[in-house]
Amino acid sequence: MSNIPRAGQPSTSRLSTLPSQKPRQLSHLHAQLAQLTANVSDLENLLRMTAVQAESMRGLGGYMGGMFMAASKVLGEETVRGGGSGAGGTSGSMEERSRKEGSQGV
């Protein structure tokens, strides 16, 4: 029980290693700070690139939305008017539709 140091008395072995460990610990902290700085810089560059890519994706989404709306309108008109059973009959049905529309006065 005499080997356990008391709270009021610092251990002699701990005091002898403390001054020699401090420069090593400071050096280690400095290396970690340098690594953290490099990682933050990389993250900043990646975030900048992600913002540019997100803006491009937004533009592509607008184009795709326009294409889907146009395709929906074209295909929806063919379905409503009873045409569009095949790709070969599309041009003939368009001529028929234009004749029907002309005769109906639409």
PDB file of N, CA and C in Angstrom:
ATOM      1  N   MET A   1       0.812  -1.165   0.000  1.00  0.00           N
ATOM      2  CA  MET A   1       0.000   0.000   0.000  1.00  0.00           C
ATOM      3  C   MET A   1       0.870   1.248   0.000  1.00  0.00           C
ATOM      4  N   SER A   2       2.106   1.111   0.332  1.00  0.00           N
ATOM      5  CA  SER A   2       3.018   2.252   0.358  1.00  0.00           C
ATOM      6  C   SER A   2       3.488   2.618  -1.060  1.00  0.00           C
ATOM      7  N   ASN A   3       3.266   1.734  -2.047  1.00  0.00           N
ATOM      8  CA  ASN A   3       3.678   2.003  -3.415  1.00  0.00           C
ATOM      9  C   ASN A   3       2.733   2.963  -4.141  1.00  0.00           C
ATOM     10  N   ILE A   4       1.507   3.105  -3.666  1.00  0.00           N
ATOM     11  CA  ILE A   4       0.520   3.955  -4.321  1.00  0.00           C
ATOM     12  C   ILE A   4       0.783   5.401  -3.918  1.00  0.00           C
ATOM     13  N   PRO A   5       1.012   6.307  -4.881  1.00  0.00           N
ATOM     14  CA  PRO A   5       1.265   7.708  -4.528  1.00  0.00           C
ATOM     15  C   PRO A   5      -0.015   8.386  -4.063  1.00  0.00           C
ATOM     16  N   ARG A   6       0.109   9.261  -3.107  1.00  0.00           N
ATOM     17  CA  ARG A   6      -1.040  10.003  -2.602  1.00  0.00           C
ATOM     18  C   ARG A   6      -1.388  11.133  -3.561  1.00  0.00           C
ATOM     19  N   ALA A   7      -2.592  11.651  -3.416  1.00  0.00           N
ATOM     20  CA  ALA A   7      -3.057  12.719  -4.299  1.00  0.00           C
ATOM     21  C   ALA A   7      -2.240  13.992  -4.112  1.00  0.00           C
ATOM     22  N   GLY A   8      -1.794  14.260  -2.940  1.00  0.00           N
ATOM     23  CA  GLY A   8      -1.028  15.473  -2.658  1.00  0.00           C
ATOM     24  C   GLY A   8       0.419  15.377  -3.093  1.00  0.00           C
ATOM     25  N   GLN A   9       0.958  14.171  -3.232  1.00  0.00           N
ATOM     26  CA  GLN A   9       2.350  13.987  -3.602  1.00  0.00           C
ATOM     27  C   GLN A   9       2.467  13.539  -5.052  1.00  0.00           C
ATOM     28  N   PRO A  10       3.111  14.333  -5.903  1.00  0.00           N
ATOM     29  CA  PRO A  10       3.285  13.893  -7.293  1.00  0.00           C
ATOM     30  C   PRO A  10       4.321  12.785  -7.373  1.00  0.00           C
ATOM     31  N   SER A  11       4.119  11.913  -8.294  1.00  0.00           N
ATOM     32  CA  SER A  11       5.042  10.796  -8.475  1.00  0.00           C
ATOM     33  C   SER A  11       6.337  11.303  -9.095  1.00  0.00           C
ATOM     34  N   THR A  12       7.439  10.791  -8.639  1.00  0.00           N
ATOM     35  CA  THR A  12       8.731  11.226  -9.168  1.00  0.00           C
ATOM     36  C   THR A  12       8.941  10.731 -10.595  1.00  0.00           C
ATOM     37  N   SER A  13       8.421   9.557 -10.926  1.00  0.00           N
ATOM     38  CA  SER A  13       8.598   9.045 -12.289  1.00  0.00           C
ATOM     39  C   SER A  13       7.789   9.878 -13.278  1.00  0.00           C
ATOM     40  N   ARG A  14       6.629  10.362 -12.856  1.00  0.00           N
ATOM     41  CA  ARG A  14       5.801  11.186 -13.737  1.00  0.00           C
ATOM     42  C   ARG A  14       6.446  12.549 -13.961  1.00  0.00           C
ATOM     43  N   LEU A  15       7.064  13.103 -12.955  1.00  0.00           N
ATOM     44  CA  LEU A  15       7.712  14.402 -13.098  1.00  0.00           C
ATOM     45  C   LEU A  15       8.937  14.322 -13.997  1.00  0.00           C
ATOM     46  N   SER A  16       9.630  13.238 -13.948  1.00  0.00           N
ATOM     47  CA  SER A  16      10.851  13.126 -14.741  1.00  0.00           C
ATOM     48  C   SER A  16      10.539  12.969 -16.238  1.00  0.00           C
ATOM     49  N   THR A  17       9.377  12.417 -16.609  1.00  0.00           N
ATOM     50  CA  THR A  17       9.061  12.234 -18.024  1.00  0.00           C
ATOM     51  C   THR A  17       8.277  13.405 -18.602  1.00  0.00           C
ATOM     52  N   LEU A  18       7.673  14.229 -17.759  1.00  0.00           N
ATOM     53  CA  LEU A  18       6.843  15.314 -18.245  1.00  0.00           C
ATOM     54  C   LEU A  18       7.608  16.334 -19.082  1.00  0.00           C
ATOM     55  N   PRO A  19       8.744  16.867 -18.667  1.00  0.00           N
ATOM     56  CA  PRO A  19       9.439  17.856 -19.494  1.00  0.00           C
ATOM     57  C   PRO A  19       9.897  17.293 -20.845  1.00  0.00           C
ATOM     58  N   SER A  20      10.257  16.043 -20.906  1.00  0.00           N
ATOM     59  CA  SER A  20      10.720  15.477 -22.180  1.00  0.00           C
ATOM     60  C   SER A  20       9.553  15.138 -23.105  1.00  0.00           C
ATOM     61  N   GLN A  21       8.359  14.941 -22.572  1.00  0.00           N
ATOM     62  CA  GLN A  21       7.202  14.603 -23.400  1.00  0.00           C
ATOM     63  C   GLN A  21       6.547  15.837 -24.007  1.00  0.00           C
ATOM     64  N   LYS A  22       6.701  16.978 -23.360  1.00  0.00           N
ATOM     65  CA  LYS A  22       5.998  18.177 -23.816  1.00  0.00           C
ATOM     66  C   LYS A  22       6.379  18.567 -25.250  1.00  0.00           C
ATOM     67  N   PRO A  23       7.641  18.637 -25.621  1.00  0.00           N
ATOM     68  CA  PRO A  23       7.975  18.970 -27.018  1.00  0.00           C
ATOM     69  C   PRO A  23       7.443  17.936 -28.018  1.00  0.00           C
ATOM     70  N   ARG A  24       7.486  16.674 -27.627  1.00  0.00           N
ATOM     71  CA  ARG A  24       6.966  15.632 -28.520  1.00  0.00           C
ATOM     72  C   ARG A  24       5.460  15.789 -28.708  1.00  0.00           C
ATOM     73  N   GLN A  25       4.736  16.088 -27.617  1.00  0.00           N
ATOM     74  CA  GLN A  25       3.295  16.283 -27.712  1.00  0.00           C
ATOM     75  C   GLN A  25       2.951  17.516 -28.544  1.00  0.00           C
ATOM     76  N   LEU A  26       3.714  18.595 -28.343  1.00  0.00           N
ATOM     77  CA  LEU A  26       3.486  19.803 -29.134  1.00  0.00           C
ATOM     78  C   LEU A  26       3.760  19.549 -30.612  1.00  0.00           C
ATOM     79  N   SER A  27       4.786  18.797 -30.894  1.00  0.00           N
ATOM     80  CA  SER A  27       5.098  18.445 -32.283  1.00  0.00           C
ATOM     81  C   SER A  27       3.976  17.606 -32.890  1.00  0.00           C
ATOM     82  N   HIS A  28       3.454  16.678 -32.112  1.00  0.00           N
ATOM     83  CA  HIS A  28       2.355  15.832 -32.585  1.00  0.00           C
ATOM     84  C   HIS A  28       1.100  16.678 -32.836  1.00  0.00           C
ATOM     85  N   LEU A  29       0.797  17.601 -31.920  1.00  0.00           N
ATOM     86  CA  LEU A  29      -0.351  18.486 -32.104  1.00  0.00           C
ATOM     87  C   LEU A  29      -0.174  19.368 -33.334  1.00  0.00           C
ATOM     88  N   HIS A  30       1.040  19.839 -33.556  1.00  0.00           N
ATOM     89  CA  HIS A  30       1.316  20.659 -34.735  1.00  0.00           C
ATOM     90  C   HIS A  30       1.089  19.858 -36.016  1.00  0.00           C
ATOM     91  N   ALA A  31       1.509  18.607 -36.023  1.00  0.00           N
ATOM     92  CA  ALA A  31       1.294  17.752 -37.194  1.00  0.00           C
ATOM     93  C   ALA A  31      -0.197  17.495 -37.407  1.00  0.00           C
ATOM     94  N   GLN A  32      -0.924  17.291 -36.331  1.00  0.00           N
ATOM     95  CA  GLN A  32      -2.366  17.079 -36.450  1.00  0.00           C
ATOM     96  C   GLN A  32      -3.066  18.334 -36.953  1.00  0.00           C
ATOM     97  N   LEU A  33      -2.628  19.491 -36.493  1.00  0.00           N
ATOM     98  CA  LEU A  33      -3.208  20.750 -36.965  1.00  0.00           C
ATOM     99  C   LEU A  33      -2.925  20.957 -38.447  1.00  0.00           C
ATOM    100  N   ALA A  34      -1.744  20.620 -38.894  1.00  0.00           N
ATOM    101  CA  ALA A  34      -1.412  20.732 -40.315  1.00  0.00           C
ATOM    102  C   ALA A  34      -2.295  19.795 -41.147  1.00  0.00           C
ATOM    103  N   GLN A  35      -2.511  18.586 -40.667  1.00  0.00           N
ATOM    104  CA  GLN A  35      -3.367  17.635 -41.359  1.00  0.00           C
ATOM    105  C   GLN A  35      -4.806  18.135 -41.396  1.00  0.00           C
ATOM    106  N   LEU A  36      -5.278  18.692 -40.289  1.00  0.00           N
ATOM    107  CA  LEU A  36      -6.637  19.238 -40.232  1.00  0.00           C
ATOM    108  C   LEU A  36      -6.792  20.397 -41.204  1.00  0.00           C
ATOM    109  N   THR A  37      -5.800  21.257 -41.278  1.00  0.00           N
ATOM    110  CA  THR A  37      -5.846  22.379 -42.209  1.00  0.00           C
ATOM    111  C   THR A  37      -5.905  21.889 -43.652  1.00  0.00           C
ATOM    112  N   ALA A  38      -5.121  20.884 -43.973  1.00  0.00           N
ATOM    113  CA  ALA A  38      -5.140  20.320 -45.328  1.00  0.00           C
ATOM    114  C   ALA A  38      -6.500  19.695 -45.639  1.00  0.00           C
ATOM    115  N   ASN A  39      -7.067  18.979 -44.671  1.00  0.00           N
ATOM    116  CA  ASN A  39      -8.381  18.354 -44.874  1.00  0.00           C
ATOM    117  C   ASN A  39      -9.481  19.397 -45.050  1.00  0.00           C
ATOM    118  N   VAL A  40      -9.428  20.489 -44.279  1.00  0.00           N
ATOM    119  CA  VAL A  40     -10.424  21.548 -44.408  1.00  0.00           C
ATOM    120  C   VAL A  40     -10.300  22.222 -45.776  1.00  0.00           C
ATOM    121  N   SER A  41      -9.086  22.399 -46.244  1.00  0.00           N
ATOM    122  CA  SER A  41      -8.871  22.987 -47.568  1.00  0.00           C
ATOM    123  C   SER A  41      -9.436  22.074 -48.665  1.00  0.00           C
ATOM    124  N   ASP A  42      -9.196  20.781 -48.550  1.00  0.00           N
ATOM    125  CA  ASP A  42      -9.760  19.824 -49.512  1.00  0.00           C
ATOM    126  C   ASP A  42     -11.282  19.849 -49.477  1.00  0.00           C
ATOM    127  N   LEU A  43     -11.841  19.908 -48.280  1.00  0.00           N
ATOM    128  CA  LEU A  43     -13.298  19.950 -48.136  1.00  0.00           C
ATOM    129  C   LEU A  43     -13.870  21.206 -48.784  1.00  0.00           C
ATOM    130  N   GLU A  44     -13.189  22.329 -48.611  1.00  0.00           N
ATOM    131  CA  GLU A  44     -13.644  23.581 -49.210  1.00  0.00           C
ATOM    132  C   GLU A  44     -13.658  23.478 -50.736  1.00  0.00           C
ATOM    133  N   ASN A  45     -12.609  22.900 -51.303  1.00  0.00           N
ATOM    134  CA  ASN A  45     -12.556  22.719 -52.758  1.00  0.00           C
ATOM    135  C   ASN A  45     -13.659  21.785 -53.234  1.00  0.00           C
ATOM    136  N   LEU A  46     -13.889  20.709 -52.505  1.00  0.00           N
ATOM    137  CA  LEU A  46     -14.945  19.766 -52.884  1.00  0.00           C
ATOM    138  C   LEU A  46     -16.329  20.407 -52.795  1.00  0.00           C
ATOM    139  N   LEU A  47     -16.548  21.221 -51.774  1.00  0.00           N
ATOM    140  CA  LEU A  47     -17.833  21.907 -51.645  1.00  0.00           C
ATOM    141  C   LEU A  47     -18.041  22.897 -52.784  1.00  0.00           C
ATOM    142  N   ARG A  48     -16.982  23.586 -53.178  1.00  0.00           N
ATOM    143  CA  ARG A  48     -17.087  24.521 -54.302  1.00  0.00           C
ATOM    144  C   ARG A  48     -17.453  23.777 -55.581  1.00  0.00           C
ATOM    145  N   MET A  49     -16.795  22.646 -55.820  1.00  0.00           N
ATOM    146  CA  MET A  49     -17.105  21.840 -57.012  1.00  0.00           C
ATOM    147  C   MET A  49     -18.522  21.286 -56.948  1.00  0.00           C
ATOM    148  N   THR A  50     -18.959  20.878 -55.771  1.00  0.00           N
ATOM    149  CA  THR A  50     -20.309  20.337 -55.605  1.00  0.00           C
ATOM    150  C   THR A  50     -21.356  21.404 -55.896  1.00  0.00           C
ATOM    151  N   ALA A  51     -21.093  22.639 -55.493  1.00  0.00           N
ATOM    152  CA  ALA A  51     -22.038  23.732 -55.764  1.00  0.00           C
ATOM    153  C   ALA A  51     -22.165  23.965 -57.269  1.00  0.00           C
ATOM    154  N   VAL A  52     -21.050  23.925 -57.974  1.00  0.00           N
ATOM    155  CA  VAL A  52     -21.091  24.105 -59.433  1.00  0.00           C
ATOM    156  C   VAL A  52     -21.851  22.951 -60.074  1.00  0.00           C
ATOM    157  N   GLN A  53     -21.587  21.737 -59.638  1.00  0.00           N
ATOM    158  CA  GLN A  53     -22.274  20.572 -60.200  1.00  0.00           C
ATOM    159  C   GLN A  53     -23.762  20.590 -59.878  1.00  0.00           C
ATOM    160  N   ALA A  54     -24.129  21.071 -58.699  1.00  0.00           N
ATOM    161  CA  ALA A  54     -25.547  21.142 -58.340  1.00  0.00           C
ATOM    162  C   ALA A  54     -26.273  22.131 -59.243  1.00  0.00           C
ATOM    163  N   GLU A  55     -25.624  23.239 -59.559  1.00  0.00           N
ATOM    164  CA  GLU A  55     -26.230  24.217 -60.469  1.00  0.00           C
ATOM    165  C   GLU A  55     -26.405  23.615 -61.868  1.00  0.00           C
ATOM    166  N   SER A  56     -25.426  22.830 -62.307  1.00  0.00           N
ATOM    167  CA  SER A  56     -25.544  22.165 -63.611  1.00  0.00           C
ATOM    168  C   SER A  56     -26.661  21.127 -63.597  1.00  0.00           C
ATOM    169  N   MET A  57     -26.768  20.384 -62.492  1.00  0.00           N
ATOM    170  CA  MET A  57     -27.843  19.397 -62.375  1.00  0.00           C
ATOM    171  C   MET A  57     -29.213  20.067 -62.398  1.00  0.00           C
ATOM    172  N   ARG A  58     -29.286  21.238 -61.807  1.00  0.00           N
ATOM    173  CA  ARG A  58     -30.548  21.985 -61.818  1.00  0.00           C
ATOM    174  C   ARG A  58     -30.929  22.338 -63.259  1.00  0.00           C
ATOM    175  N   GLY A  59     -29.944  22.793 -64.039  1.00  0.00           N
ATOM    176  CA  GLY A  59     -30.209  23.110 -65.447  1.00  0.00           C
ATOM    177  C   GLY A  59     -30.636  21.880 -66.229  1.00  0.00           C
ATOM    178  N   LEU A  60     -29.949  20.767 -66.002  1.00  0.00           N
ATOM    179  CA  LEU A  60     -30.322  19.523 -66.684  1.00  0.00           C
ATOM    180  C   LEU A  60     -31.716  19.072 -66.285  1.00  0.00           C
ATOM    181  N   GLY A  61     -32.074  19.275 -65.032  1.00  0.00           N
ATOM    182  CA  GLY A  61     -33.415  18.923 -64.571  1.00  0.00           C
ATOM    183  C   GLY A  61     -34.472  19.744 -65.290  1.00  0.00           C
ATOM    184  N   GLY A  62     -34.169  21.016 -65.531  1.00  0.00           N
ATOM    185  CA  GLY A  62     -35.103  21.865 -66.278  1.00  0.00           C
ATOM    186  C   GLY A  62     -35.288  21.378 -67.706  1.00  0.00           C
ATOM    187  N   TYR A  63     -34.180  21.023 -68.349  1.00  0.00           N
ATOM    188  CA  TYR A  63     -34.273  20.502 -69.720  1.00  0.00           C
ATOM    189  C   TYR A  63     -35.068  19.198 -69.763  1.00  0.00           C
ATOM    190  N   MET A  64     -34.763  18.307 -68.831  1.00  0.00           N
ATOM    191  CA  MET A  64     -35.468  17.025 -68.811  1.00  0.00           C
ATOM    192  C   MET A  64     -36.952  17.212 -68.519  1.00  0.00           C
ATOM    193  N   GLY A  65     -37.271  18.121 -67.621  1.00  0.00           N
ATOM    194  CA  GLY A  65     -38.675  18.399 -67.331  1.00  0.00           C
ATOM    195  C   GLY A  65     -39.399  18.903 -68.565  1.00  0.00           C
ATOM    196  N   GLY A  66     -38.742  19.781 -69.329  1.00  0.00           N
ATOM    197  CA  GLY A  66     -39.332  20.268 -70.579  1.00  0.00           C
ATOM    198  C   GLY A  66     -39.544  19.151 -71.571  1.00  0.00           C
ATOM    199  N   MET A  67     -38.564  18.260 -71.673  1.00  0.00           N
ATOM    200  CA  MET A  67     -38.699  17.122 -72.606  1.00  0.00           C
ATOM    201  C   MET A  67     -39.843  16.205 -72.182  1.00  0.00           C
ATOM    202  N   PHE A  68     -39.944  15.934 -70.888  1.00  0.00           N
ATOM    203  CA  PHE A  68     -41.032  15.077 -70.416  1.00  0.00           C
ATOM    204  C   PHE A  68     -42.396  15.721 -70.662  1.00  0.00           C
ATOM    205  N   MET A  69     -42.489  17.024 -70.447  1.00  0.00           N
ATOM    206  CA  MET A  69     -43.770  17.697 -70.686  1.00  0.00           C
ATOM    207  C   MET A  69     -44.127  17.679 -72.172  1.00  0.00           C
ATOM    208  N   ALA A  70     -43.125  17.896 -73.036  1.00  0.00           N
ATOM    209  CA  ALA A  70     -43.386  17.866 -74.467  1.00  0.00           C
ATOM    210  C   ALA A  70     -43.787  16.460 -74.915  1.00  0.00           C
ATOM    211  N   ALA A  71     -43.077  15.448 -74.429  1.00  0.00           N
ATOM    212  CA  ALA A  71     -43.406  14.071 -74.797  1.00  0.00           C
ATOM    213  C   ALA A  71     -44.788  13.696 -74.272  1.00  0.00           C
ATOM    214  N   SER A  72     -45.102  14.139 -73.078  1.00  0.00           N
ATOM    215  CA  SER A  72     -46.415  13.842 -72.515  1.00  0.00           C
ATOM    216  C   SER A  72     -47.512  14.484 -73.343  1.00  0.00           C
ATOM    217  N   LYS A  73     -47.288  15.702 -73.799  1.00  0.00           N
ATOM    218  CA  LYS A  73     -48.290  16.385 -74.610  1.00  0.00           C
ATOM    219  C   LYS A  73     -48.478  15.661 -75.934  1.00  0.00           C
ATOM    220  N   VAL A  74     -47.381  15.292 -76.597  1.00  0.00           N
ATOM    221  CA  VAL A  74     -47.471  14.608 -77.892  1.00  0.00           C
ATOM    222  C   VAL A  74     -48.131  13.245 -77.727  1.00  0.00           C
ATOM    223  N   LEU A  75     -47.646  12.468 -76.761  1.00  0.00           N
ATOM    224  CA  LEU A  75     -48.211  11.126 -76.579  1.00  0.00           C
ATOM    225  C   LEU A  75     -49.628  11.189 -76.047  1.00  0.00           C
ATOM    226  N   GLY A  76     -49.926  12.177 -75.222  1.00  0.00           N
ATOM    227  CA  GLY A  76     -51.270  12.329 -74.688  1.00  0.00           C
ATOM    228  C   GLY A  76     -52.273  12.660 -75.777  1.00  0.00           C
ATOM    229  N   GLU A  77     -51.896  13.499 -76.736  1.00  0.00           N
ATOM    230  CA  GLU A  77     -52.789  13.847 -77.844  1.00  0.00           C
ATOM    231  C   GLU A  77     -53.072  12.625 -78.706  1.00  0.00           C
ATOM    232  N   GLU A  78     -52.051  11.824 -78.967  1.00  0.00           N
ATOM    233  CA  GLU A  78     -52.253  10.623 -79.780  1.00  0.00           C
ATOM    234  C   GLU A  78     -53.169   9.650 -79.067  1.00  0.00           C
ATOM    235  N   THR A  79     -53.019   9.497 -77.766  1.00  0.00           N
ATOM    236  CA  THR A  79     -53.839   8.561 -77.006  1.00  0.00           C
ATOM    237  C   THR A  79     -55.288   9.033 -76.951  1.00  0.00           C
ATOM    238  N   VAL A  80     -55.506  10.320 -76.745  1.00  0.00           N
ATOM    239  CA  VAL A  80     -56.860  10.863 -76.635  1.00  0.00           C
ATOM    240  C   VAL A  80     -57.605  10.733 -77.957  1.00  0.00           C
ATOM    241  N   ARG A  81     -56.917  10.933 -79.058  1.00  0.00           N
ATOM    242  CA  ARG A  81     -57.569  10.906 -80.373  1.00  0.00           C
ATOM    243  C   ARG A  81     -57.630   9.510 -80.971  1.00  0.00           C
ATOM    244  N   GLY A  82     -57.103   8.526 -80.290  1.00  0.00           N
ATOM    245  CA  GLY A  82     -57.214   7.144 -80.741  1.00  0.00           C
ATOM    246  C   GLY A  82     -56.117   6.707 -81.679  1.00  0.00           C
ATOM    247  N   GLY A  83     -55.124   7.499 -81.933  1.00  0.00           N
ATOM    248  CA  GLY A  83     -54.007   7.120 -82.803  1.00  0.00           C
ATOM    249  C   GLY A  83     -52.903   6.509 -81.982  1.00  0.00           C
ATOM    250  N   GLY A  84     -51.744   6.381 -82.604  1.00  0.00           N
ATOM    251  CA  GLY A  84     -50.553   5.950 -81.891  1.00  0.00           C
ATOM    252  C   GLY A  84     -50.503   4.478 -81.578  1.00  0.00           C
ATOM    253  N   SER A  85     -51.069   3.616 -82.445  1.00  0.00           N
ATOM    254  CA  SER A  85     -50.971   2.189 -82.187  1.00  0.00           C
ATOM    255  C   SER A  85     -49.606   1.662 -82.571  1.00  0.00           C
ATOM    256  N   GLY A  86     -48.896   2.358 -83.450  1.00  0.00           N
ATOM    257  CA  GLY A  86     -47.555   1.930 -83.843  1.00  0.00           C
ATOM    258  C   GLY A  86     -46.807   3.093 -84.450  1.00  0.00           C
ATOM    259  N   ALA A  87     -45.514   2.940 -84.636  1.00  0.00           N
ATOM    260  CA  ALA A  87     -44.701   4.029 -85.167  1.00  0.00           C
ATOM    261  C   ALA A  87     -44.978   4.242 -86.645  1.00  0.00           C
ATOM    262  N   GLY A  88     -45.266   3.184 -87.400  1.00  0.00           N
ATOM    263  CA  GLY A  88     -45.508   3.307 -88.834  1.00  0.00           C
ATOM    264  C   GLY A  88     -46.804   4.031 -89.133  1.00  0.00           C
ATOM    265  N   GLY A  89     -47.803   3.896 -88.305  1.00  0.00           N
ATOM    266  CA  GLY A  89     -49.093   4.506 -88.571  1.00  0.00           C
ATOM    267  C   GLY A  89     -49.206   5.925 -88.055  1.00  0.00           C
ATOM    268  N   THR A  90     -48.167   6.473 -87.515  1.00  0.00           N
ATOM    269  CA  THR A  90     -48.256   7.797 -86.915  1.00  0.00           C
ATOM    270  C   THR A  90     -48.434   8.872 -87.968  1.00  0.00           C
ATOM    271  N   SER A  91     -47.655   8.804 -89.057  1.00  0.00           N
ATOM    272  CA  SER A  91     -47.745   9.872 -90.054  1.00  0.00           C
ATOM    273  C   SER A  91     -49.102   9.848 -90.747  1.00  0.00           C
ATOM    274  N   GLY A  92     -49.628   8.674 -91.013  1.00  0.00           N
ATOM    275  CA  GLY A  92     -50.954   8.573 -91.615  1.00  0.00           C
ATOM    276  C   GLY A  92     -52.020   9.089 -90.681  1.00  0.00           C
ATOM    277  N   SER A  93     -51.919   8.789 -89.420  1.00  0.00           N
ATOM    278  CA  SER A  93     -52.931   9.253 -88.484  1.00  0.00           C
ATOM    279  C   SER A  93     -52.846  10.757 -88.303  1.00  0.00           C
ATOM    280  N   MET A  94     -51.656  11.344 -88.452  1.00  0.00           N
ATOM    281  CA  MET A  94     -51.532  12.797 -88.342  1.00  0.00           C
ATOM    282  C   MET A  94     -52.235  13.466 -89.520  1.00  0.00           C
ATOM    283  N   GLU A  95     -52.103  12.886 -90.708  1.00  0.00           N
ATOM    284  CA  GLU A  95     -52.803  13.446 -91.871  1.00  0.00           C
ATOM    285  C   GLU A  95     -54.307  13.324 -91.680  1.00  0.00           C
ATOM    286  N   GLU A  96     -54.753  12.179 -91.177  1.00  0.00           N
ATOM    287  CA  GLU A  96     -56.180  11.994 -90.918  1.00  0.00           C
ATOM    288  C   GLU A  96     -56.688  12.999 -89.907  1.00  0.00           C
ATOM    289  N   ARG A  97     -55.909  13.219 -88.846  1.00  0.00           N
ATOM    290  CA  ARG A  97     -56.321  14.169 -87.822  1.00  0.00           C
ATOM    291  C   ARG A  97     -56.442  15.568 -88.385  1.00  0.00           C
ATOM    292  N   SER A  98     -55.468  15.964 -89.219  1.00  0.00           N
ATOM    293  CA  SER A  98     -55.535  17.314 -89.756  1.00  0.00           C
ATOM    294  C   SER A  98     -56.745  17.459 -90.670  1.00  0.00           C
ATOM    295  N   ARG A  99     -57.126  16.411 -91.424  1.00  0.00           N
ATOM    296  CA  ARG A  99     -58.322  16.464 -92.262  1.00  0.00           C
ATOM    297  C   ARG A  99     -59.571  16.535 -91.411  1.00  0.00           C
ATOM    298  N   LYS A 100     -59.615  15.735 -90.303  1.00  0.00           N
ATOM    299  CA  LYS A 100     -60.767  15.738 -89.419  1.00  0.00           C
ATOM    300  C   LYS A 100     -60.922  17.100 -88.749  1.00  0.00           C
ATOM    301  N   GLU A 101     -59.801  17.666 -88.288  1.00  0.00           N
ATOM    302  CA  GLU A 101     -59.864  18.962 -87.631  1.00  0.00           C
ATOM    303  C   GLU A 101     -60.332  20.038 -88.599  1.00  0.00           C
ATOM    304  N   GLY A 102     -59.875  19.953 -89.838  1.00  0.00           N
ATOM    305  CA  GLY A 102     -60.287  20.933 -90.858  1.00  0.00           C
ATOM    306  C   GLY A 102     -61.769  20.826 -91.146  1.00  0.00           C
ATOM    307  N   SER A 103     -62.294  19.620 -91.185  1.00  0.00           N
ATOM    308  CA  SER A 103     -63.720  19.444 -91.488  1.00  0.00           C
ATOM    309  C   SER A 103     -64.596  19.798 -90.298  1.00  0.00           C
ATOM    310  N   GLN A 104     -64.060  19.668 -89.086  1.00  0.00           N
ATOM    311  CA  GLN A 104     -64.847  19.986 -87.902  1.00  0.00           C
ATOM    312  C   GLN A 104     -64.819  21.476 -87.580  1.00  0.00           C
ATOM    313  N   GLY A 105     -63.881  22.205 -88.167  1.00  0.00           N
ATOM    314  CA  GLY A 105     -63.806  23.628 -87.915  1.00  0.00           C
ATOM    315  C   GLY A 105     -63.137  23.974 -86.609  1.00  0.00           C
ATOM    316  N   VAL A 106     -62.267  23.115 -86.141  1.00  0.00           N
ATOM    317  CA  VAL A 106     -61.566  23.359 -84.885  1.00  0.00           C
ATOM    318  C   VAL A 106     -60.424  24.279 -85.070  1.00  0.00           C
TER     319      VAL A 106
END
